[in-house]
C-alpha atoms as a PDB file:
ATOM      1  CA  MET A   1      80.899  81.750  84.194  1.00  0.00           C
ATOM      2  CA  ILE A   2      77.214  82.497  84.584  1.00  0.00           C
ATOM      3  CA  LYS A   3      75.731  83.187  81.281  1.00  0.00           C
ATOM      4  CA  ASN A   4      72.186  83.883  82.254  1.00  0.00           C
ATOM      5  CA  TRP A   5      71.994  87.217  83.592  1.00  0.00           C
ATOM      6  CA  LYS A   6      68.968  86.280  85.918  1.00  0.00           C
ATOM      7  CA  ALA A   7      70.917  83.707  87.610  1.00  0.00           C
ATOM      8  CA  LEU A   8      73.707  86.463  88.057  1.00  0.00           C
ATOM      9  CA  THR A   9      71.046  89.012  89.396  1.00  0.00           C
ATOM     10  CA  SER A  10      69.974  86.618  91.844  1.00  0.00           C
ATOM     11  CA  LEU A  11      73.427  85.927  92.974  1.00  0.00           C
ATOM     12  CA  LEU A  12      74.191  89.587  93.034  1.00  0.00           C
ATOM     13  CA  SER A  13      71.213  90.339  95.075  1.00  0.00           C
ATOM     14  CA  ALA A  14      72.046  87.914  97.608  1.00  0.00           C
ATOM     15  CA  ALA A  15      75.460  89.440  97.437  1.00  0.00           C
ATOM     16  CA  ILE A  16      73.805  92.975  98.286  1.00  0.00           C
ATOM     17  CA  LEU A  17      72.076  91.615 101.307  1.00  0.00           C
ATOM     18  CA  ALA A  18      75.292  89.905 102.449  1.00  0.00           C
ATOM     19  CA  LEU A  19      77.250  92.883 102.285  1.00  0.00           C
ATOM     20  CA  ALA A  20      74.474  94.854 104.098  1.00  0.00           C
ATOM     21  CA  LEU A  21      74.907  92.471 107.095  1.00  0.00           C
ATOM     22  CA  ALA A  22      78.451  92.019 106.701  1.00  0.00           C
ATOM     23  CA  GLY A  23      81.243  93.309 109.199  1.00  0.00           C
ATOM     24  CA  CYS A  24      84.623  94.402 109.177  1.00  0.00           C
ATOM     25  CA  GLY A  25      86.288  93.007 105.968  1.00  0.00           C
ATOM     26  CA  ASN A  26      90.077  93.031 106.953  1.00  0.00           C
ATOM     27  CA  THR A  27      91.135  89.571 108.152  1.00  0.00           C
ATOM     28  CA  ALA A  28      93.494  89.810 111.322  1.00  0.00           C
ATOM     29  CA  THR A  29      95.890  86.962 111.923  1.00  0.00           C
ATOM     30  CA  LYS A  30      98.248  85.901 114.770  1.00  0.00           C
ATOM     31  CA  GLU A  31     100.502  83.003 114.910  1.00  0.00           C
ATOM     32  CA  GLY A  32     100.596  80.777 118.231  1.00  0.00           C
ATOM     33  CA  ALA A  33      97.795  80.669 120.257  1.00  0.00           C
ATOM     34  CA  GLY A  34      97.442  83.524 122.604  1.00  0.00           C
ATOM     35  CA  SER A  35     100.131  85.685 121.108  1.00  0.00           C
ATOM     36  CA  SER A  36      99.849  89.316 119.990  1.00  0.00           C
ATOM     37  CA  GLN A  37      99.664  90.469 116.285  1.00  0.00           C
ATOM     38  CA  GLN A  38     103.077  91.498 115.334  1.00  0.00           C
ATOM     39  CA  PRO A  39     103.931  94.379 113.105  1.00  0.00           C
ATOM     40  CA  ALA A  40     103.884  93.510 109.145  1.00  0.00           C
ATOM     41  CA  GLN A  41     107.472  94.078 109.027  1.00  0.00           C
ATOM     42  CA  GLU A  42     108.465  92.025 111.887  1.00  0.00           C
ATOM     43  CA  GLN A  43     106.263  89.287 110.481  1.00  0.00           C
ATOM     44  CA  SER A  44     108.060  89.544 107.057  1.00  0.00           C
ATOM     45  CA  GLN A  45     111.415  89.201 108.698  1.00  0.00           C
ATOM     46  CA  GLU A  46     110.323  86.246 110.818  1.00  0.00           C
ATOM     47  CA  GLN A  47     108.907  84.522 107.887  1.00  0.00           C
ATOM     48  CA  THR A  48     112.190  84.832 105.970  1.00  0.00           C
ATOM     49  CA  GLN A  49     114.057  83.420 108.995  1.00  0.00           C
ATOM     50  CA  THR A  50     111.618  80.199 109.198  1.00  0.00           C
ATOM     51  CA  ASP A  51     111.796  79.601 105.541  1.00  0.00           C
ATOM     52  CA  LEU A  52     108.034  80.710 105.332  1.00  0.00           C
ATOM     53  CA  LYS A  53     106.885  77.748 107.390  1.00  0.00           C
ATOM     54  CA  THR A  54     103.762  78.134 109.503  1.00  0.00           C
ATOM     55  CA  GLN A  55     104.251  77.489 113.161  1.00  0.00           C
ATOM     56  CA  TYR A  56     101.483  75.686 114.659  1.00  0.00           C
ATOM     57  CA  PRO A  57      99.210  76.024 116.753  1.00  0.00           C
ATOM     58  CA  LEU A  58      98.035  78.918 114.556  1.00  0.00           C
ATOM     59  CA  THR A  59      94.982  81.294 115.550  1.00  0.00           C
ATOM     60  CA  VAL A  60      93.523  83.390 112.901  1.00  0.00           C
ATOM     61  CA  THR A  61      90.208  85.588 112.899  1.00  0.00           C
ATOM     62  CA  ASP A  62      87.974  85.849 109.995  1.00  0.00           C
ATOM     63  CA  SER A  63      85.758  88.883 108.929  1.00  0.00           C
ATOM     64  CA  THR A  64      82.991  88.054 111.312  1.00  0.00           C
ATOM     65  CA  GLY A  65      85.276  88.173 114.291  1.00  0.00           C
ATOM     66  CA  GLU A  66      85.228  84.346 114.780  1.00  0.00           C
ATOM     67  CA  SER A  67      88.537  82.914 115.949  1.00  0.00           C
ATOM     68  CA  PHE A  68      90.115  79.639 114.575  1.00  0.00           C
ATOM     69  CA  THR A  69      92.921  77.647 116.018  1.00  0.00           C
ATOM     70  CA  PHE A  70      94.634  75.171 113.800  1.00  0.00           C
ATOM     71  CA  GLU A  71      96.996  72.446 115.425  1.00  0.00           C
ATOM     72  CA  LYS A  72      98.157  71.414 111.695  1.00  0.00           C
ATOM     73  CA  ALA A  73      97.640  72.557 108.223  1.00  0.00           C
ATOM     74  CA  PRO A  74      93.890  71.316 107.054  1.00  0.00           C
ATOM     75  CA  THR A  75      93.954  68.401 104.713  1.00  0.00           C
ATOM     76  CA  LYS A  76      90.213  68.730 103.823  1.00  0.00           C
ATOM     77  CA  ILE A  77      89.088  71.903 102.421  1.00  0.00           C
ATOM     78  CA  VAL A  78      85.861  73.027 101.089  1.00  0.00           C
ATOM     79  CA  SER A  79      85.223  76.578  99.375  1.00  0.00           C
ATOM     80  CA  VAL A  80      81.834  77.816  98.550  1.00  0.00           C
ATOM     81  CA  SER A  81      82.967  81.261  96.869  1.00  0.00           C
ATOM     82  CA  PRO A  82      84.369  81.394  93.542  1.00  0.00           C
ATOM     83  CA  ALA A  83      86.931  83.875  94.670  1.00  0.00           C
ATOM     84  CA  GLU A  84      88.157  82.104  97.582  1.00  0.00           C
ATOM     85  CA  THR A  85      88.261  78.777  95.454  1.00  0.00           C
ATOM     86  CA  GLU A  86      90.610  80.601  92.804  1.00  0.00           C
ATOM     87  CA  SER A  87      92.778  81.781  95.723  1.00  0.00           C
ATOM     88  CA  LEU A  88      93.362  78.199  97.331  1.00  0.00           C
ATOM     89  CA  PHE A  89      93.901  76.720  93.895  1.00  0.00           C
ATOM     90  CA  ALA A  90      96.401  79.422  93.124  1.00  0.00           C
ATOM     91  CA  LEU A  91      98.363  78.320  96.320  1.00  0.00           C
ATOM     92  CA  GLY A  92      98.571  75.080  95.219  1.00  0.00           C
ATOM     93  CA  LEU A  93      95.960  73.243  97.216  1.00  0.00           C
ATOM     94  CA  ASP A  94      94.200  71.050  94.572  1.00  0.00           C
ATOM     95  CA  ASN A  95      94.628  67.660  96.348  1.00  0.00           C
ATOM     96  CA  GLU A  96      93.214  69.416  99.707  1.00  0.00           C
ATOM     97  CA  ILE A  97      90.367  70.922  98.138  1.00  0.00           C
ATOM     98  CA  ILE A  98      87.380  68.354  98.287  1.00  0.00           C
ATOM     99  CA  GLY A  99      84.328  70.321  97.373  1.00  0.00           C
ATOM    100  CA  VAL A 100      83.408  73.748  95.740  1.00  0.00           C
ATOM    101  CA  SER A 101      80.228  75.705  95.058  1.00  0.00           C
ATOM    102  CA  ASP A 102      78.173  75.101  91.998  1.00  0.00           C
ATOM    103  CA  TYR A 103      79.484  78.366  90.362  1.00  0.00           C
ATOM    104  CA  ASP A 104      83.098  77.681  90.747  1.00  0.00           C
ATOM    105  CA  ASP A 105      84.665  77.290  87.313  1.00  0.00           C
ATOM    106  CA  TYR A 106      88.080  78.549  87.564  1.00  0.00           C
ATOM    107  CA  PRO A 107      90.572  77.037  87.287  1.00  0.00           C
ATOM    108  CA  GLU A 108      89.576  74.112  85.287  1.00  0.00           C
ATOM    109  CA  ALA A 109      90.277  71.771  87.991  1.00  0.00           C
ATOM    110  CA  ALA A 110      87.673  73.266  90.053  1.00  0.00           C
ATOM    111  CA  LYS A 111      85.213  71.667  87.726  1.00  0.00           C
ATOM    112  CA  THR A 112      86.098  68.288  88.848  1.00  0.00           C
ATOM    113  CA  LYS A 113      85.489  68.955  92.535  1.00  0.00           C
ATOM    114  CA  ALA A 114      82.395  67.745  94.539  1.00  0.00           C
ATOM    115  CA  LYS A 115      79.598  70.260  94.253  1.00  0.00           C
ATOM    116  CA  MET A 116      78.490  71.862  97.446  1.00  0.00           C
ATOM    117  CA  GLY A 117      75.460  74.053  96.260  1.00  0.00           C
ATOM    118  CA  GLY A 118      75.150  77.668  96.066  1.00  0.00           C
ATOM    119  CA  VAL A 119      77.324  80.553  97.233  1.00  0.00           C
ATOM    120  CA  THR A 120      74.690  82.245  99.438  1.00  0.00           C
ATOM    121  CA  LYS A 121      72.900  79.021 100.776  1.00  0.00           C
ATOM    122  CA  PRO A 122      75.269  75.878 100.145  1.00  0.00           C
ATOM    123  CA  ASN A 123      74.019  72.431 100.503  1.00  0.00           C
ATOM    124  CA  GLU A 124      74.255  71.705 104.128  1.00  0.00           C
ATOM    125  CA  GLU A 125      73.948  68.026 103.979  1.00  0.00           C
ATOM    126  CA  SER A 126      76.714  67.782 101.465  1.00  0.00           C
ATOM    127  CA  ILE A 127      79.102  70.048 103.632  1.00  0.00           C
ATOM    128  CA  ILE A 128      78.442  68.028 106.699  1.00  0.00           C
ATOM    129  CA  ALA A 129      79.029  64.897 104.668  1.00  0.00           C
ATOM    130  CA  ALA A 130      82.375  66.158 103.364  1.00  0.00           C
ATOM    131  CA  ASP A 131      83.695  66.438 107.026  1.00  0.00           C
ATOM    132  CA  ALA A 132      86.065  69.120 105.954  1.00  0.00           C
ATOM    133  CA  ASP A 133      88.535  70.620 108.242  1.00  0.00           C
ATOM    134  CA  ILE A 134      87.432  74.210 107.141  1.00  0.00           C
ATOM    135  CA  VAL A 135      85.123  75.685 104.886  1.00  0.00           C
ATOM    136  CA  PHE A 136      85.694  79.117 103.165  1.00  0.00           C
ATOM    137  CA  THR A 137      83.135  81.470 102.027  1.00  0.00           C
ATOM    138  CA  GLY A 138      83.056  85.128 100.875  1.00  0.00           C
ATOM    139  CA  ILE A 139      81.229  88.237 100.057  1.00  0.00           C
ATOM    140  CA  SER A 140      77.999  86.327  98.872  1.00  0.00           C
ATOM    141  CA  MET A 141      77.081  84.811 101.970  1.00  0.00           C
ATOM    142  CA  SER A 142      75.497  86.910 104.792  1.00  0.00           C
ATOM    143  CA  GLU A 143      76.805  86.793 108.396  1.00  0.00           C
ATOM    144  CA  ASP A 144      73.439  85.373 109.480  1.00  0.00           C
ATOM    145  CA  ALA A 145      73.850  82.477 106.993  1.00  0.00           C
ATOM    146  CA  VAL A 146      77.242  81.694 108.252  1.00  0.00           C
ATOM    147  CA  LYS A 147      76.115  81.895 111.916  1.00  0.00           C
ATOM    148  CA  LYS A 148      73.261  79.172 111.094  1.00  0.00           C
ATOM    149  CA  LEU A 149      75.873  76.914 109.165  1.00  0.00           C
ATOM    150  CA  ARG A 150      78.172  77.087 112.350  1.00  0.00           C
ATOM    151  CA  GLU A 151      75.214  75.985 114.597  1.00  0.00           C
ATOM    152  CA  LEU A 152      75.193  73.076 112.742  1.00  0.00           C
ATOM    153  CA  GLY A 153      78.694  72.267 113.516  1.00  0.00           C
ATOM    154  CA  ILE A 154      80.334  73.595 110.318  1.00  0.00           C
ATOM    155  CA  THR A 155      83.588  75.309 110.719  1.00  0.00           C
ATOM    156  CA  ILE A 156      83.140  78.100 108.348  1.00  0.00           C
ATOM    157  CA  PHE A 157      85.863  80.875 107.614  1.00  0.00           C
ATOM    158  CA  LYS A 158      84.142  84.139 106.035  1.00  0.00           C
ATOM    159  CA  THR A 159      85.977  86.745 104.175  1.00  0.00           C
ATOM    160  CA  ASP A 160      84.648  90.402 103.086  1.00  0.00           C
ATOM    161  CA  PRO A 161      87.249  92.019 101.103  1.00  0.00           C
ATOM    162  CA  LYS A 162      86.593  95.602 100.295  1.00  0.00           C
ATOM    163  CA  SER A 163      89.882  96.504  98.673  1.00  0.00           C
ATOM    164  CA  ILE A 164      92.741  94.756  96.787  1.00  0.00           C
ATOM    165  CA  ASP A 165      94.717  95.020 100.019  1.00  0.00           C
ATOM    166  CA  ASP A 166      91.996  92.985 101.534  1.00  0.00           C
ATOM    167  CA  VAL A 167      92.264  90.529  98.873  1.00  0.00           C
ATOM    168  CA  ILE A 168      96.083  90.424  99.208  1.00  0.00           C
ATOM    169  CA  ASN A 169      95.708  89.835 103.035  1.00  0.00           C
ATOM    170  CA  ASN A 170      93.331  86.836 102.636  1.00  0.00           C
ATOM    171  CA  ILE A 171      95.625  85.220 100.498  1.00  0.00           C
ATOM    172  CA  GLU A 172      98.466  85.593 102.911  1.00  0.00           C
ATOM    173  CA  THR A 173      96.099  84.403 105.684  1.00  0.00           C
ATOM    174  CA  PHE A 174      95.136  81.305 103.546  1.00  0.00           C
ATOM    175  CA  GLY A 175      98.775  80.675 103.070  1.00  0.00           C
ATOM    176  CA  LYS A 176      99.494  80.639 106.703  1.00  0.00           C
ATOM    177  CA  ILE A 177      96.495  78.492 107.545  1.00  0.00           C
ATOM    178  CA  THR A 178      97.534  75.770 104.901  1.00  0.00           C
ATOM    179  CA  ASP A 179     101.225  76.176 105.404  1.00  0.00           C
ATOM    180  CA  HIS A 180     101.720  77.284 101.803  1.00  0.00           C
ATOM    181  CA  GLN A 181     103.252  80.548 102.758  1.00  0.00           C
ATOM    182  CA  GLU A 182     105.881  80.465 100.122  1.00  0.00           C
ATOM    183  CA  GLN A 183     103.359  80.238  97.455  1.00  0.00           C
ATOM    184  CA  ALA A 184     101.193  82.868  98.821  1.00  0.00           C
ATOM    185  CA  GLN A 185     104.070  85.265  98.774  1.00  0.00           C
ATOM    186  CA  LYS A 186     104.907  84.746  95.115  1.00  0.00           C
ATOM    187  CA  LEU A 187     101.183  85.281  94.329  1.00  0.00           C
ATOM    188  CA  VAL A 188     101.010  88.705  96.149  1.00  0.00           C
ATOM    189  CA  THR A 189     104.465  89.793  94.719  1.00  0.00           C
ATOM    190  CA  GLN A 190     102.895  89.553  91.403  1.00  0.00           C
ATOM    191  CA  MET A 191      99.658  91.010  92.363  1.00  0.00           C
ATOM    192  CA  LYS A 192     101.467  94.140  94.037  1.00  0.00           C
ATOM    193  CA  LYS A 193     103.646  94.240  90.802  1.00  0.00           C
ATOM    194  CA  ASP A 194     100.272  94.569  88.773  1.00  0.00           C
ATOM    195  CA  VAL A 195      99.148  97.411  90.811  1.00  0.00           C
ATOM    196  CA  THR A 196     102.267  99.084  90.666  1.00  0.00           C
ATOM    197  CA  ASP A 197     102.462  98.772  86.722  1.00  0.00           C
ATOM    198  CA  VAL A 198      99.027 100.283  86.529  1.00  0.00           C
ATOM    199  CA  THR A 199      99.665 103.225  89.023  1.00  0.00           C
ATOM    200  CA  GLU A 200     102.957 104.018  87.216  1.00  0.00           C
ATOM    201  CA  ALA A 201     101.246 104.016  83.858  1.00  0.00           C
ATOM    202  CA  VAL A 202      98.359 106.228  84.937  1.00  0.00           C
ATOM    203  CA  LYS A 203     100.495 108.765  87.280  1.00  0.00           C
ATOM    204  CA  ALA A 204     100.584 111.368  84.439  1.00  0.00           C
ATOM    205  CA  VAL A 205      97.182 111.766  84.213  1.00  0.00           C
ATOM    206  CA  LYS A 206      96.075 115.198  85.793  1.00  0.00           C
ATOM    207  CA  PRO A 207      93.007 115.535  87.894  1.00  0.00           C
ATOM    208  CA  GLU A 208      91.227 117.481  85.244  1.00  0.00           C
ATOM    209  CA  GLU A 209      92.124 114.890  82.600  1.00  0.00           C
ATOM    210  CA  LYS A 210      90.658 111.885  84.619  1.00  0.00           C
ATOM    211  CA  LYS A 211      88.005 109.911  82.698  1.00  0.00           C
ATOM    212  CA  LYS A 212      84.600 109.324  84.082  1.00  0.00           C
ATOM    213  CA  VAL A 213      83.687 105.709  83.967  1.00  0.00           C
ATOM    214  CA  TYR A 214      80.352 103.768  84.488  1.00  0.00           C
ATOM    215  CA  ILE A 215      80.337 100.305  84.875  1.00  0.00           C
ATOM    216  CA  GLU A 216      77.330  97.816  84.622  1.00  0.00           C
ATOM    217  CA  PHE A 217      77.679  94.118  85.549  1.00  0.00           C
ATOM    218  CA  SER A 218      74.235  93.097  85.230  1.00  0.00           C
ATOM    219  CA  PRO A 219      71.163  94.899  83.481  1.00  0.00           C
ATOM    220  CA  GLY A 220      70.540  98.022  85.398  1.00  0.00           C
ATOM    221  CA  TRP A 221      73.121  97.267  88.247  1.00  0.00           C
ATOM    222  CA  THR A 222      76.263  99.209  88.896  1.00  0.00           C
ATOM    223  CA  VAL A 223      78.586  99.676  92.211  1.00  0.00           C
ATOM    224  CA  GLY A 224      79.140 102.697  94.331  1.00  0.00           C
ATOM    225  CA  LYS A 225      82.028 103.497  96.522  1.00  0.00           C
ATOM    226  CA  GLY A 226      83.252 101.199  99.242  1.00  0.00           C
ATOM    227  CA  GLU A 227      83.460  98.121  97.239  1.00  0.00           C
ATOM    228  CA  PHE A 228      86.762  96.638  95.460  1.00  0.00           C
ATOM    229  CA  MET A 229      85.182  97.175  91.894  1.00  0.00           C
ATOM    230  CA  ASP A 230      85.020 100.821  92.610  1.00  0.00           C
ATOM    231  CA  GLU A 231      88.628 100.721  93.717  1.00  0.00           C
ATOM    232  CA  LEU A 232      89.847  99.182  90.597  1.00  0.00           C
ATOM    233  CA  ILE A 233      88.399 102.453  88.776  1.00  0.00           C
ATOM    234  CA  ASN A 234      90.162 104.804  91.198  1.00  0.00           C
ATOM    235  CA  VAL A 235      93.490 102.978  91.076  1.00  0.00           C
ATOM    236  CA  ALA A 236      93.233 102.920  87.350  1.00  0.00           C
ATOM    237  CA  GLY A 237      93.260 106.676  87.298  1.00  0.00           C
ATOM    238  CA  ALA A 238      89.600 107.563  86.722  1.00  0.00           C
ATOM    239  CA  THR A 239      86.580 108.569  88.344  1.00  0.00           C
ATOM    240  CA  ASN A 240      83.360 106.194  88.960  1.00  0.00           C
ATOM    241  CA  ILE A 241      80.168 108.163  88.310  1.00  0.00           C
ATOM    242  CA  ALA A 242      78.400 106.075  90.687  1.00  0.00           C
ATOM    243  CA  ALA A 243      80.324 106.663  93.658  1.00  0.00           C
ATOM    244  CA  ASP A 244      77.942 109.301  95.216  1.00  0.00           C
ATOM    245  CA  LYS A 245      76.098 106.016  96.486  1.00  0.00           C
ATOM    246  CA  GLU A 246      77.687 103.067  98.372  1.00  0.00           C
ATOM    247  CA  SER A 247      77.783  99.363  97.416  1.00  0.00           C
ATOM    248  CA  TRP A 248      75.803  97.729  94.789  1.00  0.00           C
ATOM    249  CA  TYR A 249      72.606  99.325  93.500  1.00  0.00           C
ATOM    250  CA  GLN A 250      70.185  99.749  90.728  1.00  0.00           C
ATOM    251  CA  ILE A 251      70.943 102.731  88.532  1.00  0.00           C
ATOM    252  CA  ASN A 252      68.840 105.666  87.479  1.00  0.00           C
ATOM    253  CA  GLU A 253      69.032 106.107  83.731  1.00  0.00           C
ATOM    254  CA  GLU A 254      68.609 109.841  83.619  1.00  0.00           C
ATOM    255  CA  ASN A 255      71.490 110.223  86.149  1.00  0.00           C
ATOM    256  CA  VAL A 256      73.855 108.224  84.028  1.00  0.00           C
ATOM    257  CA  ILE A 257      73.076 110.381  81.154  1.00  0.00           C
ATOM    258  CA  ALA A 258      73.617 113.621  83.335  1.00  0.00           C
ATOM    259  CA  SER A 259      76.930 112.144  84.449  1.00  0.00           C
ATOM    260  CA  ASN A 260      77.805 111.695  80.809  1.00  0.00           C
ATOM    261  CA  PRO A 261      80.509 109.094  81.273  1.00  0.00           C
ATOM    262  CA  ASP A 262      83.579 108.876  78.863  1.00  0.00           C
ATOM    263  CA  VAL A 263      83.829 105.228  79.037  1.00  0.00           C
ATOM    264  CA  ILE A 264      81.357 102.662  79.945  1.00  0.00           C
ATOM    265  CA  LEU A 265      82.522  99.135  81.074  1.00  0.00           C
ATOM    266  CA  TYR A 266      80.171  96.130  81.110  1.00  0.00           C
ATOM    267  CA  ALA A 267      80.387  92.423  81.787  1.00  0.00           C
ATOM    268  CA  ASN A 268      80.851  90.704  78.431  1.00  0.00           C
ATOM    269  CA  ASP A 269      79.164  87.435  79.135  1.00  0.00           C
ATOM    270  CA  VAL A 270      75.657  88.801  80.221  1.00  0.00           C
ATOM    271  CA  VAL A 271      72.786  88.123  77.880  1.00  0.00           C
ATOM    272  CA  GLU A 272      69.155  89.143  78.466  1.00  0.00           C
ATOM    273  CA  ASP A 273      66.435  87.978  75.840  1.00  0.00           C
ATOM    274  CA  ASN A 274      69.166  87.245  73.229  1.00  0.00           C
ATOM    275  CA  LYS A 275      70.705  90.726  73.723  1.00  0.00           C
ATOM    276  CA  THR A 276      74.161  91.301  75.019  1.00  0.00           C
ATOM    277  CA  LEU A 277      74.684  93.967  77.650  1.00  0.00           C
ATOM    278  CA  ASP A 278      76.229  96.248  75.319  1.00  0.00           C
ATOM    279  CA  GLN A 279      73.186  96.164  73.191  1.00  0.00           C
ATOM    280  CA  ILE A 280      70.960  96.726  75.868  1.00  0.00           C
ATOM    281  CA  ILE A 281      73.029  99.759  77.113  1.00  0.00           C
ATOM    282  CA  LYS A 282      73.262 101.406  73.681  1.00  0.00           C
ATOM    283  CA  ALA A 283      69.502 100.846  73.019  1.00  0.00           C
ATOM    284  CA  ARG A 284      68.358 102.954  76.064  1.00  0.00           C
ATOM    285  CA  SER A 285      66.462 106.092  75.337  1.00  0.00           C
ATOM    286  CA  GLY A 286      68.849 109.178  75.517  1.00  0.00           C
ATOM    287  CA  TRP A 287      71.902 106.950  75.814  1.00  0.00           C
ATOM    288  CA  ASP A 288      73.099 107.849  72.473  1.00  0.00           C
ATOM    289  CA  GLN A 289      73.866 111.284  73.494  1.00  0.00           C
ATOM    290  CA  ILE A 290      76.314 109.904  76.041  1.00  0.00           C
ATOM    291  CA  THR A 291      80.324 110.460  75.223  1.00  0.00           C
ATOM    292  CA  ALA A 292      80.993 106.835  75.849  1.00  0.00           C
ATOM    293  CA  VAL A 293      78.273 105.745  73.375  1.00  0.00           C
ATOM    294  CA  LYS A 294      79.054 108.487  70.899  1.00  0.00           C
ATOM    295  CA  ASN A 295      82.869 107.692  70.795  1.00  0.00           C
ATOM    296  CA  ASN A 296      82.325 103.802  70.772  1.00  0.00           C
ATOM    297  CA  ALA A 297      83.946 103.603  74.295  1.00  0.00           C
ATOM    298  CA  VAL A 298      81.588 100.887  75.423  1.00  0.00           C
ATOM    299  CA  ILE A 299      83.773  98.115  76.310  1.00  0.00           C
ATOM    300  CA  GLY A 300      83.199  94.574  77.281  1.00  0.00           C
ATOM    301  CA  LEU A 301      85.458  92.919  79.933  1.00  0.00           C
ATOM    302  CA  ASP A 302      85.693  89.343  81.594  1.00  0.00           C
ATOM    303  CA  ALA A 303      82.733  89.333  84.095  1.00  0.00           C
ATOM    304  CA  ASN A 304      84.851  87.063  86.515  1.00  0.00           C
ATOM    305  CA  LEU A 305      87.869  89.387  86.505  1.00  0.00           C
ATOM    306  CA  LEU A 306      85.590  92.210  87.508  1.00  0.00           C
ATOM    307  CA  SER A 307      83.371  90.676  90.061  1.00  0.00           C
ATOM    308  CA  ARG A 308      85.614  88.112  91.929  1.00  0.00           C
ATOM    309  CA  PRO A 309      87.904  89.584  94.632  1.00  0.00           C
ATOM    310  CA  GLY A 310      90.436  86.944  94.254  1.00  0.00           C
ATOM    311  CA  PRO A 311      94.020  86.227  92.510  1.00  0.00           C
ATOM    312  CA  ARG A 312      92.947  87.437  89.347  1.00  0.00           C
ATOM    313  CA  VAL A 313      91.609  90.841  90.622  1.00  0.00           C
ATOM    314  CA  THR A 314      94.758  92.497  89.554  1.00  0.00           C
ATOM    315  CA  GLN A 315      94.499  91.166  86.323  1.00  0.00           C
ATOM    316  CA  GLY A 316      91.002  92.854  86.105  1.00  0.00           C
ATOM    317  CA  LEU A 317      92.648  96.093  87.336  1.00  0.00           C
ATOM    318  CA  LYS A 318      94.949  95.950  84.370  1.00  0.00           C
ATOM    319  CA  ASP A 319      92.050  95.252  81.976  1.00  0.00           C
ATOM    320  CA  VAL A 320      90.061  98.111  83.408  1.00  0.00           C
ATOM    321  CA  ALA A 321      92.886 100.407  83.088  1.00  0.00           C
ATOM    322  CA  LYS A 322      93.568  99.269  79.531  1.00  0.00           C
ATOM    323  CA  ALA A 323      89.918  99.787  78.561  1.00  0.00           C
ATOM    324  CA  ILE A 324      89.912 103.506  80.282  1.00  0.00           C
ATOM    325  CA  TYR A 325      93.413 104.659  78.785  1.00  0.00           C
ATOM    326  CA  PRO A 326      94.326 102.432  76.054  1.00  0.00           C
ATOM    327  CA  ASP A 327      97.120 104.816  74.704  1.00  0.00           C
ATOM    328  CA  LEU A 328      99.122 104.471  77.927  1.00  0.00           C
ATOM    329  CA  PHE A 329      98.962 100.605  77.716  1.00  0.00           C
ATOM    330  CA  LYS A 330     100.305 100.033  74.251  1.00  0.00           C
END
């Protein structure tokens, strides 16, 4: 967990650049080199028939459009993205993971792995020396940075999830690549249940009763439409006041006051000049008149659950929903 907000802001700024340069986020997969992609229902039926064993050779395509063909399951994996690292560990790949980024801190076993540098610019020498079969990266690395690593001969698979469905699709793809499809299906089944639990709980909220929500994950930074964090608010039955713009951006304090959110969510581990983020928020001029501040509805949430599009993203969804509509989740 990044305790220093300046480090987080630097990381997020790089992520913003990566998002600006990134391409399509959905990961397409196909089993067997040269075969056409099958409808999801047919794939599901075939998986059941084969006991969810991957049939190699397997060809998959990442978010940059790069295709990869695996003759067998990779035995040496590096991940330089905390979200992807969490996904791979959740699939039971502890033994195969040989390196992670400097920021990877979950699960606990990730802390014991060799460090490969940052998430936007990893240590090239360390990655080359690791001689991994595949290197996974996520939203924080730009396509340009990925291209440069590929020019060095590094096999790097990039994801760019924009939604919960994208995260689920990525996990299923990781399961296929690593021949851990059974574990992947168990995981996504639970994630889908989490989403259903939340949508069922908030379905009675009428359009005119939807709460207005503002979210701040680093001092002065929020998220607009088109990103998974915005989707968390929407699925939770609320309205993101920052959705008039796209992606991650710096706020206009007067606009937030004018929007008058009912609930303010913030990353609870951020500290600047010995002040927590909620203290910074409440101290801003005029913000004491915002409904959320007056009603003490300024609520801290686990920053990693909010910001990592990995297997715990639906836990983040549940936390967001409970914070917005506590009466619906007693």
